[in-house]
C-alpha atoms as a PDB file:
ATOM      1  CA  MET A   1      -7.696  25.116  11.279  1.00  0.00           C
ATOM      2  CA  SER A   2      -4.548  23.303  12.309  1.00  0.00           C
ATOM      3  CA  PRO A   3      -3.827  19.712  11.251  1.00  0.00           C
ATOM      4  CA  PRO A   4      -4.273  16.885  13.742  1.00  0.00           C
ATOM      5  CA  SER A   5      -1.360  16.320  16.115  1.00  0.00           C
ATOM      6  CA  SER A   6      -0.365  13.222  14.130  1.00  0.00           C
ATOM      7  CA  ALA A   7      -0.107  15.224  10.908  1.00  0.00           C
ATOM      8  CA  PRO A   8       3.364  16.072   9.627  1.00  0.00           C
ATOM      9  CA  SER A   9       4.221  19.521  10.951  1.00  0.00           C
ATOM     10  CA  ALA A  10       5.164  22.230   8.534  1.00  0.00           C
ATOM     11  CA  SER A  11       8.450  24.068   8.864  1.00  0.00           C
ATOM     12  CA  PRO A  12       8.257  27.341  10.864  1.00  0.00           C
ATOM     13  CA  ARG A  13       8.803  29.269   7.622  1.00  0.00           C
ATOM     14  CA  THR A  14       5.965  27.433   5.869  1.00  0.00           C
ATOM     15  CA  ARG A  15       3.735  27.702   8.926  1.00  0.00           C
ATOM     16  CA  LYS A  16       4.270  31.458   9.159  1.00  0.00           C
ATOM     17  CA  ALA A  17       3.632  31.977   5.474  1.00  0.00           C
ATOM     18  CA  SER A  18       0.489  29.834   5.493  1.00  0.00           C
ATOM     19  CA  SER A  19      -0.938  31.050   8.808  1.00  0.00           C
ATOM     20  CA  LYS A  20      -2.615  34.008   7.066  1.00  0.00           C
ATOM     21  CA  PRO A  21      -3.835  32.832   3.669  1.00  0.00           C
ATOM     22  CA  SER A  22      -5.167  35.511   1.385  1.00  0.00           C
ATOM     23  CA  ALA A  23      -8.905  35.924   1.075  1.00  0.00           C
ATOM     24  CA  HIS A  24      -8.789  34.120  -2.283  1.00  0.00           C
ATOM     25  CA  ALA A  25      -6.601  31.190  -1.169  1.00  0.00           C
ATOM     26  CA  SER A  26      -8.064  27.706  -1.124  1.00  0.00           C
ATOM     27  CA  VAL A  27      -6.476  25.151   1.172  1.00  0.00           C
ATOM     28  CA  VAL A  28      -7.118  21.567   2.176  1.00  0.00           C
ATOM     29  CA  ASP A  29      -8.790  21.100   5.550  1.00  0.00           C
ATOM     30  CA  LEU A  30      -6.406  18.496   6.963  1.00  0.00           C
ATOM     31  CA  GLU A  31      -8.829  17.653   9.768  1.00  0.00           C
ATOM     32  CA  ARG A  32     -11.382  16.402   7.240  1.00  0.00           C
ATOM     33  CA  TYR A  33      -9.408  15.443   4.098  1.00  0.00           C
ATOM     34  CA  THR A  34      -9.699  11.656   4.020  1.00  0.00           C
ATOM     35  CA  PRO A  35      -6.848  10.951   1.551  1.00  0.00           C
ATOM     36  CA  ALA A  36      -4.459  12.669   3.990  1.00  0.00           C
ATOM     37  CA  PHE A  37      -5.594  10.521   6.919  1.00  0.00           C
ATOM     38  CA  LEU A  38      -5.399   7.344   4.843  1.00  0.00           C
ATOM     39  CA  THR A  39      -1.908   8.288   3.638  1.00  0.00           C
ATOM     40  CA  TRP A  40      -0.641   9.169   7.118  1.00  0.00           C
ATOM     41  CA  ILE A  41      -2.035   5.974   8.592  1.00  0.00           C
ATOM     42  CA  ALA A  42      -0.644   3.804   5.781  1.00  0.00           C
ATOM     43  CA  ASN A  43       2.783   5.476   5.869  1.00  0.00           C
ATOM     44  CA  LYS A  44       3.113   5.242   9.637  1.00  0.00           C
ATOM     45  CA  LEU A  45       1.863   1.650   9.777  1.00  0.00           C
ATOM     46  CA  SER A  46       4.243   0.647   6.968  1.00  0.00           C
ATOM     47  CA  GLY A  47       7.165   2.484   8.550  1.00  0.00           C
ATOM     48  CA  GLY A  48       6.614   0.903  11.948  1.00  0.00           C
ATOM     49  CA  ALA A  49       6.136  -2.562  10.471  1.00  0.00           C
ATOM     50  CA  SER A  50       9.198  -2.224   8.275  1.00  0.00           C
ATOM     51  CA  THR A  51      11.371  -1.217  11.226  1.00  0.00           C
ATOM     52  CA  ALA A  52      10.078  -4.108  13.341  1.00  0.00           C
ATOM     53  CA  TYR A  53      10.288  -6.746  10.605  1.00  0.00           C
ATOM     54  CA  LEU A  54      13.786  -5.674   9.556  1.00  0.00           C
ATOM     55  CA  SER A  55      15.096  -5.745  13.122  1.00  0.00           C
ATOM     56  CA  ALA A  56      13.499  -9.061  14.057  1.00  0.00           C
ATOM     57  CA  PHE A  57      13.456 -10.992  10.777  1.00  0.00           C
ATOM     58  CA  ASN A  58      15.697  -9.072   8.343  1.00  0.00           C
ATOM     59  CA  VAL A  59      12.683  -8.631   6.058  1.00  0.00           C
ATOM     60  CA  GLY A  60      11.378  -5.371   4.592  1.00  0.00           C
ATOM     61  CA  ILE A  61       7.727  -4.480   4.220  1.00  0.00           C
ATOM     62  CA  GLU A  62       7.670  -5.278   0.482  1.00  0.00           C
ATOM     63  CA  THR A  63       8.933  -8.813   1.094  1.00  0.00           C
ATOM     64  CA  TRP A  64       6.336  -9.266   3.830  1.00  0.00           C
ATOM     65  CA  ARG A  65       3.524  -8.135   1.529  1.00  0.00           C
ATOM     66  CA  LEU A  66       4.610 -10.627  -1.117  1.00  0.00           C
ATOM     67  CA  LEU A  67       4.899 -13.420   1.441  1.00  0.00           C
ATOM     68  CA  VAL A  68       1.330 -12.684   2.582  1.00  0.00           C
ATOM     69  CA  LEU A  69      -0.032 -13.016  -0.951  1.00  0.00           C
ATOM     70  CA  LEU A  70       1.980 -16.113  -1.814  1.00  0.00           C
ATOM     71  CA  ALA A  71       1.029 -17.815   1.450  1.00  0.00           C
ATOM     72  CA  ILE A  72      -2.617 -17.399   0.435  1.00  0.00           C
ATOM     73  CA  GLU A  73      -2.440 -18.013  -3.315  1.00  0.00           C
ATOM     74  CA  GLU A  74       0.486 -20.475  -3.518  1.00  0.00           C
ATOM     75  CA  SER A  75       1.570 -19.246  -6.984  1.00  0.00           C
ATOM     76  CA  LEU A  76       1.243 -15.840  -8.667  1.00  0.00           C
ATOM     77  CA  THR A  77       2.740 -13.873 -11.533  1.00  0.00           C
ATOM     78  CA  ALA A  78       4.544 -10.594 -10.875  1.00  0.00           C
ATOM     79  CA  GLN A  79       1.761  -8.830 -12.792  1.00  0.00           C
ATOM     80  CA  ALA A  80      -0.945 -10.345 -10.569  1.00  0.00           C
ATOM     81  CA  ILE A  81       0.985  -9.314  -7.453  1.00  0.00           C
ATOM     82  CA  SER A  82       1.440  -5.797  -8.808  1.00  0.00           C
ATOM     83  CA  ARG A  83      -2.253  -5.486  -9.643  1.00  0.00           C
ATOM     84  CA  THR A  84      -3.385  -6.792  -6.241  1.00  0.00           C
ATOM     85  CA  ILE A  85      -1.246  -4.691  -3.914  1.00  0.00           C
ATOM     86  CA  GLY A  86      -0.569  -1.655  -6.081  1.00  0.00           C
ATOM     87  CA  MET A  87       3.222  -1.995  -6.233  1.00  0.00           C
ATOM     88  CA  ASP A  88       4.810  -1.177  -9.574  1.00  0.00           C
ATOM     89  CA  LYS A  89       6.095  -4.175 -11.505  1.00  0.00           C
ATOM     90  CA  ALA A  90       9.735  -3.112 -11.234  1.00  0.00           C
ATOM     91  CA  SER A  91       9.537  -3.086  -7.415  1.00  0.00           C
ATOM     92  CA  VAL A  92       7.753  -6.444  -7.426  1.00  0.00           C
ATOM     93  CA  SER A  93      10.422  -7.935  -9.713  1.00  0.00           C
ATOM     94  CA  ARG A  94      13.249  -6.666  -7.486  1.00  0.00           C
ATOM     95  CA  ALA A  95      11.558  -8.032  -4.372  1.00  0.00           C
ATOM     96  CA  LEU A  96      10.943 -11.414  -6.035  1.00  0.00           C
ATOM     97  CA  LYS A  97      14.572 -11.633  -7.156  1.00  0.00           C
ATOM     98  CA  SER A  98      15.754 -10.955  -3.600  1.00  0.00           C
ATOM     99  CA  MET A  99      13.315 -13.536  -2.215  1.00  0.00           C
ATOM    100  CA  VAL A 100      14.580 -16.184  -4.676  1.00  0.00           C
ATOM    101  CA  ALA A 101      18.156 -15.476  -3.543  1.00  0.00           C
ATOM    102  CA  ARG A 102      17.099 -16.021   0.086  1.00  0.00           C
ATOM    103  CA  GLY A 103      15.257 -19.245  -0.725  1.00  0.00           C
ATOM    104  CA  LEU A 104      11.870 -17.831   0.284  1.00  0.00           C
ATOM    105  CA  ILE A 105      10.258 -18.457  -3.111  1.00  0.00           C
ATOM    106  CA  THR A 106      10.886 -20.242  -6.387  1.00  0.00           C
ATOM    107  CA  ILE A 107      10.029 -18.999  -9.852  1.00  0.00           C
ATOM    108  CA  ALA A 108       9.060 -21.398 -12.635  1.00  0.00           C
ATOM    109  CA  LEU A 109       7.185 -21.367 -15.922  1.00  0.00           C
ATOM    110  CA  ASP A 110       3.447 -21.942 -15.735  1.00  0.00           C
ATOM    111  CA  GLU A 111       2.606 -25.470 -16.955  1.00  0.00           C
ATOM    112  CA  GLN A 112      -0.590 -24.207 -18.649  1.00  0.00           C
ATOM    113  CA  ASP A 113       1.009 -21.132 -20.241  1.00  0.00           C
ATOM    114  CA  GLY A 114       4.752 -21.373 -20.803  1.00  0.00           C
ATOM    115  CA  ARG A 115       5.016 -17.603 -21.289  1.00  0.00           C
ATOM    116  CA  LEU A 116       4.084 -16.895 -17.661  1.00  0.00           C
ATOM    117  CA  ARG A 117       6.536 -17.084 -14.785  1.00  0.00           C
ATOM    118  CA  LEU A 118       4.971 -18.041 -11.467  1.00  0.00           C
ATOM    119  CA  ALA A 119       6.374 -17.240  -8.046  1.00  0.00           C
ATOM    120  CA  SER A 120       5.678 -19.890  -5.391  1.00  0.00           C
ATOM    121  CA  ILE A 121       6.412 -19.808  -1.686  1.00  0.00           C
ATOM    122  CA  THR A 122       8.909 -22.366  -0.340  1.00  0.00           C
ATOM    123  CA  PRO A 123       8.744 -24.118   3.047  1.00  0.00           C
ATOM    124  CA  LYS A 124      11.406 -21.671   4.263  1.00  0.00           C
ATOM    125  CA  GLY A 125       9.285 -18.757   3.036  1.00  0.00           C
ATOM    126  CA  ARG A 126       6.149 -20.131   4.693  1.00  0.00           C
ATOM    127  CA  ASP A 127       8.043 -20.627   7.950  1.00  0.00           C
ATOM    128  CA  LEU A 128       9.187 -17.003   7.869  1.00  0.00           C
ATOM    129  CA  HIS A 129       5.654 -15.874   6.985  1.00  0.00           C
ATOM    130  CA  ASN A 130       4.272 -17.715  10.006  1.00  0.00           C
ATOM    131  CA  GLN A 131       6.801 -16.088  12.342  1.00  0.00           C
ATOM    132  CA  ILE A 132       6.061 -12.563  11.102  1.00  0.00           C
ATOM    133  CA  LEU A 133       2.312 -13.211  11.061  1.00  0.00           C
ATOM    134  CA  GLU A 134       2.121 -13.273  14.863  1.00  0.00           C
ATOM    135  CA  LEU A 135       3.701  -9.819  15.097  1.00  0.00           C
ATOM    136  CA  ALA A 136       1.557  -8.477  12.231  1.00  0.00           C
ATOM    137  CA  MET A 137      -1.616  -9.652  13.956  1.00  0.00           C
ATOM    138  CA  GLU A 138      -0.488  -8.107  17.249  1.00  0.00           C
ATOM    139  CA  ARG A 139       0.056  -4.795  15.456  1.00  0.00           C
ATOM    140  CA  GLU A 140      -3.434  -5.016  13.942  1.00  0.00           C
ATOM    141  CA  ARG A 141      -4.920  -5.826  17.363  1.00  0.00           C
ATOM    142  CA  ALA A 142      -3.259  -2.764  18.909  1.00  0.00           C
ATOM    143  CA  PHE A 143      -4.274  -0.566  15.961  1.00  0.00           C
ATOM    144  CA  LEU A 144      -7.957  -1.530  16.203  1.00  0.00           C
ATOM    145  CA  SER A 145      -8.084  -1.582  20.014  1.00  0.00           C
ATOM    146  CA  VAL A 146      -9.778   1.854  20.111  1.00  0.00           C
ATOM    147  CA  LEU A 147     -12.783   0.459  18.208  1.00  0.00           C
ATOM    148  CA  THR A 148     -15.611  -1.768  19.395  1.00  0.00           C
ATOM    149  CA  GLN A 149     -16.264  -5.001  17.504  1.00  0.00           C
ATOM    150  CA  PRO A 150     -19.249  -3.515  15.629  1.00  0.00           C
ATOM    151  CA  GLU A 151     -17.118  -0.488  14.718  1.00  0.00           C
ATOM    152  CA  ARG A 152     -14.406  -2.795  13.381  1.00  0.00           C
ATOM    153  CA  GLU A 153     -16.907  -4.601  11.172  1.00  0.00           C
ATOM    154  CA  THR A 154     -18.239  -1.270   9.927  1.00  0.00           C
ATOM    155  CA  LEU A 155     -14.705  -0.045   9.226  1.00  0.00           C
ATOM    156  CA  ILE A 156     -13.814  -3.172   7.246  1.00  0.00           C
ATOM    157  CA  GLY A 157     -16.990  -2.839   5.198  1.00  0.00           C
ATOM    158  CA  LEU A 158     -16.328   0.835   4.495  1.00  0.00           C
ATOM    159  CA  LEU A 159     -12.687   0.198   3.547  1.00  0.00           C
ATOM    160  CA  ARG A 160     -13.758  -2.601   1.197  1.00  0.00           C
ATOM    161  CA  ARG A 161     -16.268  -0.286  -0.502  1.00  0.00           C
ATOM    162  CA  LEU A 162     -13.686   2.493  -0.812  1.00  0.00           C
ATOM    163  CA  HIS A 163     -11.159   0.063  -2.289  1.00  0.00           C
ATOM    164  CA  GLU A 164     -13.706  -1.169  -4.826  1.00  0.00           C
ATOM    165  CA  ASN A 165     -14.466   2.470  -5.723  1.00  0.00           C
ATOM    166  CA  LEU A 166     -10.874   3.302  -6.718  1.00  0.00           C
ATOM    167  CA  PRO A 167     -11.536   2.755 -10.457  1.00  0.00           C
ATOM    168  CA  ALA A 168     -14.229   5.454 -10.225  1.00  0.00           C
ATOM    169  CA  VAL A 169     -11.667   7.807  -8.653  1.00  0.00           C
ATOM    170  CA  GLU A 170      -9.261   7.217 -11.536  1.00  0.00           C
ATOM    171  CA  ALA A 171     -12.053   7.697 -14.092  1.00  0.00           C
ATOM    172  CA  ALA A 172     -13.066  10.978 -12.427  1.00  0.00           C
ATOM    173  CA  THR A 173      -9.419  12.070 -12.409  1.00  0.00           C
ATOM    174  CA  GLN A 174      -9.023  11.378 -16.130  1.00  0.00           C
ATOM    175  CA  ASP A 175     -12.301  13.162 -16.880  1.00  0.00           C
ATOM    176  CA  TYR A 176     -11.205  16.201 -14.873  1.00  0.00           C
ATOM    177  CA  LEU A 177      -7.814  16.313 -16.591  1.00  0.00           C
ATOM    178  CA  GLN A 178      -9.367  16.018 -20.045  1.00  0.00           C
ATOM    179  CA  ARG A 179     -11.798  18.864 -19.321  1.00  0.00           C
ATOM    180  CA  HIS A 180      -9.399  21.237 -17.547  1.00  0.00           C
ATOM    181  CA  TYR A 181      -5.948  20.220 -18.824  1.00  0.00           C
ATOM    182  CA  PRO A 182      -6.477  18.675 -22.274  1.00  0.00           C
ATOM    183  CA  GLN A 183      -2.804  19.198 -23.140  1.00  0.00           C
ATOM    184  CA  VAL A 184      -1.689  16.752 -20.432  1.00  0.00           C
ATOM    185  CA  ARG A 185      -0.454  13.495 -21.929  1.00  0.00           C
ATOM    186  CA  GLN A 186      -2.135  10.581 -20.183  1.00  0.00           C
ATOM    187  CA  ARG A 187       0.239   7.997 -18.788  1.00  0.00           C
ATOM    188  CA  ARG A 188      -0.557   4.395 -18.068  1.00  0.00           C
ATOM    189  CA  ALA A 189      -1.704   3.705 -14.557  1.00  0.00           C
ATOM    190  CA  ARG A 190       0.942   2.157 -12.311  1.00  0.00           C
ATOM    191  CA  GLY A 191       0.993  -1.623 -12.652  1.00  0.00           C
ATOM    192  CA  SER A 192      -0.971  -1.602 -15.911  1.00  0.00           C
ATOM    193  CA  GLU A 193       2.009  -2.191 -18.153  1.00  0.00           C
ATOM    194  CA  THR A 194       2.232  -5.655 -19.703  1.00  0.00           C
END
């Protein structure tokens, strides 16, 4: 079964070698493997958005994601940002540093807990957020245009449930590794470091 036309094509050498798997070979069915579709969609959406935002606003996708969160929450720690969007803390810290240099955010100590540093959006950052938002919403409109309104509501509900189920995926992964590969040293999940 060949992958969907939007799937990354294999090299001719790989394609030839994999076109006749042995009777004992197990392969992923790329037409039904949901993680592949989710990855392809996310990668292509991010790539297209990044290209557009960089050309029009000189802003990369990571900066946009942080602007979105800070426009909603007003102030957040790097750890909270990392936990929410799944970026590692080092990438979040680099993006925040760049945003401070551009005057898009400020970083100050939390008045309630002086150990925490809070990032807050500035008027300049909110202005940029509002400009990019129109393009982001147009991209979402085009992306969902193949679905009816009821289908969109169903999709959002399903995506929310899948997102909430991610801890179960990680638990199942750890259980599988412990049973089948007990020698593997478990590493901390990305974004879990303090």
